[in-house]
Structure formats: C-alpha cells, structure tokens
Amino acid sequence: MTVDQTHLSAIGDVAEALRARGMQVEQVLESGFITGSVPDDRRSALTAVDGVQSVDEQLDYQLPPPEEDIQ
C-alpha cells in the first residue's frame, strides 16, 4: 500500500483500518508504505480506506536454474 501524503502522520491509523478489512499487515514504514497480504476477494475493500493512495500487487518472478542456457 502507498499512503497519501496527507495521511503520513496517521499511518498507524491507516494500518489499523487495513487490518479491520482483512489485511495481514507485516510492516508499517514511516516513509508512506504498508506491506502485507490480503486474500484476493478482499483487495478491493482496501482501496476504500481513507489515506490509501494505491494498492500494489506483488509480482513474483522465477530465475531459470543455473544449468539452463541463458536466453
């Protein structure tokens, strides 16, 4: 999550509101980010939280094994 500039001083309150909507909060970073996880069906509820600027999805990637040819 990215917290908007006007809510940085209340980032703890934003994190609590996210928890109330089902997010498992892992970190609250004073720089304006909250990390954690939430089931896909609850994700849209997070965008409605006052102070949330954006909900970003973690993208996973897998490097090929060392024995593979370089592409």
N, C-alpha and C. Protein backbone atom coordinates (compact mmCIF):
# COMPACT_ATOMS: atom_id res chain seq x y z
N MET A 1 0.84 -1.16 0.00
CA MET A 1 0.00 0.00 0.00
C MET A 1 0.88 1.22 0.00
N THR A 2 0.44 2.21 -0.71
CA THR A 2 1.06 3.52 -0.62
C THR A 2 0.07 4.43 0.07
N VAL A 3 0.53 5.13 1.10
CA VAL A 3 -0.31 6.04 1.88
C VAL A 3 -0.11 7.44 1.31
N ASP A 4 -1.21 8.17 1.13
CA ASP A 4 -1.08 9.52 0.57
C ASP A 4 -0.41 10.47 1.56
N GLN A 5 0.14 11.54 1.02
CA GLN A 5 0.92 12.50 1.81
C GLN A 5 0.16 13.09 2.99
N THR A 6 -1.13 13.32 2.82
CA THR A 6 -1.89 13.96 3.90
C THR A 6 -2.15 13.02 5.08
N HIS A 7 -1.93 11.73 4.90
CA HIS A 7 -2.18 10.77 5.98
C HIS A 7 -0.89 10.16 6.56
N LEU A 8 0.26 10.67 6.17
CA LEU A 8 1.52 10.11 6.68
C LEU A 8 1.61 10.20 8.20
N SER A 9 1.13 11.27 8.76
CA SER A 9 1.21 11.42 10.22
C SER A 9 0.26 10.46 10.94
N ALA A 10 -0.70 9.90 10.22
CA ALA A 10 -1.66 8.96 10.81
C ALA A 10 -1.52 7.58 10.18
N ILE A 11 -0.31 7.22 9.76
CA ILE A 11 -0.11 5.95 9.06
C ILE A 11 -0.50 4.75 9.93
N GLY A 12 -0.34 4.87 11.23
CA GLY A 12 -0.75 3.79 12.13
C GLY A 12 -2.26 3.56 12.08
N ASP A 13 -3.02 4.64 11.98
CA ASP A 13 -4.48 4.53 11.87
C ASP A 13 -4.88 3.90 10.55
N VAL A 14 -4.15 4.24 9.48
CA VAL A 14 -4.42 3.64 8.17
C VAL A 14 -4.16 2.14 8.25
N ALA A 15 -3.06 1.75 8.90
CA ALA A 15 -2.73 0.33 9.05
C ALA A 15 -3.83 -0.40 9.83
N GLU A 16 -4.35 0.21 10.87
CA GLU A 16 -5.43 -0.41 11.66
C GLU A 16 -6.69 -0.57 10.82
N ALA A 17 -7.00 0.41 9.99
CA ALA A 17 -8.17 0.30 9.12
C ALA A 17 -7.99 -0.82 8.11
N LEU A 18 -6.77 -1.00 7.63
CA LEU A 18 -6.49 -2.10 6.70
C LEU A 18 -6.64 -3.45 7.39
N ARG A 19 -6.15 -3.54 8.62
CA ARG A 19 -6.32 -4.78 9.40
C ARG A 19 -7.80 -5.10 9.58
N ALA A 20 -8.60 -4.08 9.85
CA ALA A 20 -10.03 -4.27 10.06
C ALA A 20 -10.73 -4.80 8.81
N ARG A 21 -10.12 -4.57 7.67
CA ARG A 21 -10.69 -5.05 6.41
C ARG A 21 -10.04 -6.34 5.92
N GLY A 22 -9.27 -6.96 6.80
CA GLY A 22 -8.75 -8.29 6.49
C GLY A 22 -7.31 -8.38 6.04
N MET A 23 -6.59 -7.28 6.06
CA MET A 23 -5.19 -7.33 5.63
C MET A 23 -4.31 -7.81 6.78
N GLN A 24 -3.39 -8.70 6.46
CA GLN A 24 -2.37 -9.14 7.40
C GLN A 24 -1.20 -8.17 7.24
N VAL A 25 -1.11 -7.16 8.10
CA VAL A 25 -0.08 -6.13 7.99
C VAL A 25 1.24 -6.68 8.50
N GLU A 26 2.28 -6.55 7.67
CA GLU A 26 3.61 -7.03 8.05
C GLU A 26 4.52 -5.89 8.50
N GLN A 27 4.49 -4.79 7.74
CA GLN A 27 5.35 -3.65 8.09
C GLN A 27 4.61 -2.35 7.84
N VAL A 28 4.86 -1.38 8.71
CA VAL A 28 4.36 -0.02 8.53
C VAL A 28 5.60 0.86 8.46
N LEU A 29 5.85 1.40 7.28
CA LEU A 29 7.05 2.20 7.06
C LEU A 29 6.68 3.68 7.07
N GLU A 30 7.33 4.43 7.93
CA GLU A 30 7.04 5.85 8.09
C GLU A 30 7.20 6.64 6.79
N SER A 31 7.87 6.06 5.81
CA SER A 31 8.05 6.73 4.52
C SER A 31 6.77 6.70 3.69
N GLY A 32 5.74 5.98 4.16
CA GLY A 32 4.46 6.01 3.49
C GLY A 32 4.03 4.71 2.85
N PHE A 33 4.62 3.61 3.29
CA PHE A 33 4.27 2.31 2.72
C PHE A 33 3.85 1.35 3.82
N ILE A 34 2.87 0.52 3.49
CA ILE A 34 2.42 -0.54 4.39
C ILE A 34 2.48 -1.83 3.59
N THR A 35 3.19 -2.82 4.13
CA THR A 35 3.29 -4.09 3.42
C THR A 35 2.49 -5.15 4.16
N GLY A 36 2.05 -6.13 3.40
CA GLY A 36 1.29 -7.22 3.99
C GLY A 36 0.62 -8.03 2.91
N SER A 37 -0.35 -8.82 3.34
CA SER A 37 -1.07 -9.66 2.38
C SER A 37 -2.55 -9.65 2.71
N VAL A 38 -3.32 -9.97 1.68
CA VAL A 38 -4.77 -9.99 1.82
C VAL A 38 -5.33 -10.95 0.77
N PRO A 39 -6.37 -11.68 1.10
CA PRO A 39 -7.00 -12.54 0.08
C PRO A 39 -7.49 -11.68 -1.09
N ASP A 40 -7.45 -12.25 -2.28
CA ASP A 40 -7.85 -11.52 -3.48
C ASP A 40 -9.25 -10.93 -3.38
N ASP A 41 -10.16 -11.65 -2.75
CA ASP A 41 -11.54 -11.16 -2.69
C ASP A 41 -11.72 -9.98 -1.73
N ARG A 42 -10.70 -9.66 -0.95
CA ARG A 42 -10.76 -8.53 -0.01
C ARG A 42 -10.00 -7.31 -0.52
N ARG A 43 -9.27 -7.49 -1.61
CA ARG A 43 -8.38 -6.44 -2.11
C ARG A 43 -9.12 -5.15 -2.45
N SER A 44 -10.27 -5.26 -3.08
CA SER A 44 -10.99 -4.05 -3.49
C SER A 44 -11.45 -3.23 -2.28
N ALA A 45 -11.69 -3.88 -1.14
CA ALA A 45 -12.09 -3.15 0.07
C ALA A 45 -10.98 -2.26 0.59
N LEU A 46 -9.74 -2.59 0.28
CA LEU A 46 -8.61 -1.81 0.78
C LEU A 46 -8.49 -0.46 0.10
N THR A 47 -8.90 -0.38 -1.16
CA THR A 47 -8.80 0.89 -1.88
C THR A 47 -9.75 1.94 -1.30
N ALA A 48 -10.77 1.51 -0.58
CA ALA A 48 -11.74 2.44 0.01
C ALA A 48 -11.26 3.02 1.34
N VAL A 49 -10.15 2.53 1.88
CA VAL A 49 -9.65 3.02 3.16
C VAL A 49 -9.12 4.44 2.99
N ASP A 50 -9.57 5.33 3.84
CA ASP A 50 -9.14 6.72 3.79
C ASP A 50 -7.63 6.79 4.03
N GLY A 51 -6.92 7.39 3.12
CA GLY A 51 -5.47 7.52 3.22
C GLY A 51 -4.71 6.61 2.29
N VAL A 52 -5.38 5.60 1.71
CA VAL A 52 -4.70 4.69 0.78
C VAL A 52 -4.66 5.35 -0.59
N GLN A 53 -3.45 5.56 -1.07
CA GLN A 53 -3.26 6.15 -2.39
C GLN A 53 -3.30 5.08 -3.47
N SER A 54 -2.64 3.94 -3.21
CA SER A 54 -2.66 2.86 -4.19
C SER A 54 -2.45 1.52 -3.50
N VAL A 55 -3.00 0.49 -4.13
CA VAL A 55 -2.84 -0.89 -3.69
C VAL A 55 -2.02 -1.57 -4.77
N ASP A 56 -0.82 -1.96 -4.41
CA ASP A 56 0.08 -2.56 -5.39
C ASP A 56 0.19 -4.05 -5.17
N GLU A 57 0.17 -4.78 -6.24
CA GLU A 57 0.27 -6.23 -6.19
C GLU A 57 1.73 -6.63 -6.30
N GLN A 58 2.13 -7.57 -5.48
CA GLN A 58 3.49 -8.09 -5.57
C GLN A 58 3.59 -9.00 -6.79
N LEU A 59 4.59 -8.77 -7.56
CA LEU A 59 4.82 -9.61 -8.74
C LEU A 59 5.96 -10.56 -8.43
N ASP A 60 5.72 -11.83 -8.63
CA ASP A 60 6.75 -12.84 -8.40
C ASP A 60 7.41 -13.19 -9.72
N TYR A 61 8.66 -13.52 -9.64
CA TYR A 61 9.36 -13.98 -10.82
C TYR A 61 10.30 -15.10 -10.42
N GLN A 62 10.63 -15.92 -11.37
CA GLN A 62 11.48 -17.08 -11.12
C GLN A 62 12.64 -17.05 -12.11
N LEU A 63 13.84 -17.03 -11.61
CA LEU A 63 15.01 -17.13 -12.47
C LEU A 63 15.19 -18.57 -12.91
N PRO A 64 15.69 -18.77 -14.12
CA PRO A 64 15.92 -20.15 -14.55
C PRO A 64 17.04 -20.78 -13.73
N PRO A 65 17.06 -22.10 -13.63
CA PRO A 65 18.11 -22.77 -12.89
C PRO A 65 19.48 -22.48 -13.52
N PRO A 66 20.55 -22.53 -12.73
CA PRO A 66 21.88 -22.20 -13.23
C PRO A 66 22.34 -23.04 -14.42
N GLU A 67 21.83 -24.25 -14.53
CA GLU A 67 22.27 -25.10 -15.62
C GLU A 67 21.56 -24.80 -16.95
N GLU A 68 20.56 -23.94 -16.94
CA GLU A 68 19.84 -23.58 -18.16
C GLU A 68 20.69 -22.65 -19.03
N ASP A 69 20.45 -22.72 -20.33
CA ASP A 69 21.10 -21.79 -21.24
C ASP A 69 20.56 -20.39 -21.00
N ILE A 70 21.42 -19.40 -21.14
CA ILE A 70 20.97 -18.02 -20.99
C ILE A 70 20.16 -17.64 -22.22
N GLN A 71 19.05 -17.04 -22.00
CA GLN A 71 18.15 -16.67 -23.10
C GLN A 71 18.54 -15.33 -23.68
